C-alpha cells in the first residue's frame, strides 16, 4: 500500500493502532511487537 500512497498508508496504520490497541488492552492481551507495517499481539478471551 505504501508504494502507491505513503501518506495514506501511514494514516491507515495509525488509525488501526488507535482502534486495535485499546481492544487488546481491554481483553488483557499484550502488544508484543510492532515491526514495519504490522503488529504482533495476543487477544485473550
N, C-alpha and C. Protein backbone atom coordinates (compact mmCIF):
# COMPACT_ATOMS: atom_id res chain seq x y z
N UNK A 1 0.82 -1.19 0.00
CA UNK A 1 0.00 0.00 0.00
C UNK A 1 0.87 1.25 0.00
N UNK A 2 1.99 1.21 0.73
CA UNK A 2 2.81 2.42 0.85
C UNK A 2 3.48 2.79 -0.47
N UNK A 3 3.64 1.84 -1.37
CA UNK A 3 4.26 2.19 -2.65
C UNK A 3 3.33 3.06 -3.49
N UNK A 4 2.02 2.95 -3.27
CA UNK A 4 1.07 3.77 -4.01
C UNK A 4 0.86 5.14 -3.40
N UNK A 5 0.76 5.21 -2.08
CA UNK A 5 0.50 6.48 -1.38
C UNK A 5 1.00 6.33 0.06
N UNK A 6 2.23 6.71 0.28
CA UNK A 6 2.86 6.52 1.59
C UNK A 6 2.14 7.28 2.70
N UNK A 7 1.68 8.48 2.42
CA UNK A 7 1.00 9.28 3.44
C UNK A 7 -0.29 8.58 3.87
N UNK A 8 -1.07 8.11 2.90
CA UNK A 8 -2.32 7.42 3.20
C UNK A 8 -2.06 6.13 3.97
N UNK A 9 -1.01 5.39 3.59
CA UNK A 9 -0.66 4.16 4.29
C UNK A 9 -0.32 4.44 5.75
N UNK A 10 0.40 5.51 6.03
CA UNK A 10 0.73 5.88 7.41
C UNK A 10 -0.52 6.28 8.19
N UNK A 11 -1.44 6.99 7.53
CA UNK A 11 -2.69 7.38 8.18
C UNK A 11 -3.50 6.15 8.57
N UNK A 12 -3.58 5.18 7.67
CA UNK A 12 -4.34 3.96 7.94
C UNK A 12 -3.68 3.17 9.06
N UNK A 13 -2.36 3.07 9.03
CA UNK A 13 -1.63 2.34 10.07
C UNK A 13 -1.86 2.97 11.44
N UNK A 14 -1.83 4.28 11.50
CA UNK A 14 -2.07 4.99 12.76
C UNK A 14 -3.50 4.77 13.25
N UNK A 15 -4.46 4.85 12.35
CA UNK A 15 -5.87 4.64 12.71
C UNK A 15 -6.09 3.22 13.23
N UNK A 16 -5.49 2.23 12.57
CA UNK A 16 -5.63 0.85 13.02
C UNK A 16 -5.09 0.69 14.43
N UNK A 17 -3.93 1.28 14.68
CA UNK A 17 -3.33 1.18 16.01
C UNK A 17 -4.22 1.82 17.06
N UNK A 18 -4.81 2.97 16.74
CA UNK A 18 -5.68 3.67 17.70
C UNK A 18 -6.94 2.86 18.00
N UNK A 19 -7.39 2.06 17.07
CA UNK A 19 -8.58 1.24 17.28
C UNK A 19 -8.23 -0.08 17.95
N UNK A 20 -7.20 -0.75 17.46
CA UNK A 20 -6.89 -2.10 17.92
C UNK A 20 -6.20 -2.13 19.27
N UNK A 21 -5.28 -1.22 19.52
CA UNK A 21 -4.51 -1.27 20.78
C UNK A 21 -5.41 -1.20 22.02
N UNK A 22 -6.41 -0.32 22.07
CA UNK A 22 -7.29 -0.32 23.25
C UNK A 22 -8.07 -1.63 23.41
N UNK A 23 -8.42 -2.27 22.30
CA UNK A 23 -9.13 -3.55 22.38
C UNK A 23 -8.23 -4.64 22.95
N UNK A 24 -6.98 -4.64 22.54
CA UNK A 24 -6.03 -5.62 23.07
C UNK A 24 -5.89 -5.42 24.58
N UNK A 25 -5.78 -4.17 25.01
CA UNK A 25 -5.65 -3.88 26.44
C UNK A 25 -6.93 -4.26 27.19
N UNK A 26 -8.08 -3.98 26.59
CA UNK A 26 -9.37 -4.28 27.22
C UNK A 26 -9.51 -5.78 27.51
N UNK A 27 -9.02 -6.61 26.60
CA UNK A 27 -9.15 -8.04 26.76
C UNK A 27 -7.92 -8.68 27.40
N UNK A 28 -7.02 -7.86 27.92
CA UNK A 28 -5.90 -8.34 28.71
C UNK A 28 -4.76 -8.95 27.91
N UNK A 29 -4.72 -8.69 26.63
CA UNK A 29 -3.65 -9.25 25.81
C UNK A 29 -2.47 -8.28 25.70
N UNK A 30 -1.30 -8.82 25.51
CA UNK A 30 -0.13 -7.95 25.34
C UNK A 30 0.06 -7.51 23.89
N UNK A 31 0.59 -6.33 23.71
CA UNK A 31 1.01 -5.82 22.42
C UNK A 31 2.48 -6.16 22.35
N UNK A 32 2.83 -7.21 21.62
CA UNK A 32 4.18 -7.76 21.70
C UNK A 32 5.21 -6.95 20.92
N UNK A 33 5.04 -6.84 19.63
CA UNK A 33 5.99 -6.08 18.82
C UNK A 33 5.25 -5.37 17.69
N UNK A 34 5.91 -4.41 17.13
CA UNK A 34 5.32 -3.63 16.05
C UNK A 34 6.35 -3.43 14.94
N UNK A 35 6.62 -4.48 14.17
CA UNK A 35 7.61 -4.36 13.10
C UNK A 35 7.02 -3.65 11.88
N UNK A 36 7.80 -2.88 11.21
CA UNK A 36 7.41 -2.27 9.94
C UNK A 36 5.96 -1.85 9.86
N UNK A 37 5.19 -2.54 9.02
CA UNK A 37 3.81 -2.17 8.81
C UNK A 37 2.81 -3.09 9.45
N UNK A 38 3.25 -3.92 10.40
CA UNK A 38 2.32 -4.85 11.03
C UNK A 38 2.45 -4.81 12.53
N UNK A 39 1.82 -5.78 13.17
CA UNK A 39 1.94 -5.87 14.62
C UNK A 39 1.73 -7.32 15.02
N UNK A 40 2.28 -7.67 16.17
CA UNK A 40 2.11 -8.98 16.74
C UNK A 40 1.48 -8.77 18.10
N UNK A 41 0.30 -9.34 18.29
CA UNK A 41 -0.42 -9.13 19.54
C UNK A 41 -1.18 -10.39 19.90
N UNK A 42 -1.64 -10.44 21.13
CA UNK A 42 -2.44 -11.56 21.61
C UNK A 42 -3.69 -10.98 22.26
N UNK A 43 -4.83 -11.52 21.86
CA UNK A 43 -6.10 -11.13 22.50
C UNK A 43 -6.61 -12.36 23.24
N UNK A 44 -6.75 -12.24 24.53
CA UNK A 44 -7.21 -13.33 25.36
C UNK A 44 -8.71 -13.20 25.58
N UNK A 45 -9.39 -14.30 25.63
CA UNK A 45 -10.82 -14.26 25.87
C UNK A 45 -11.13 -14.89 27.19
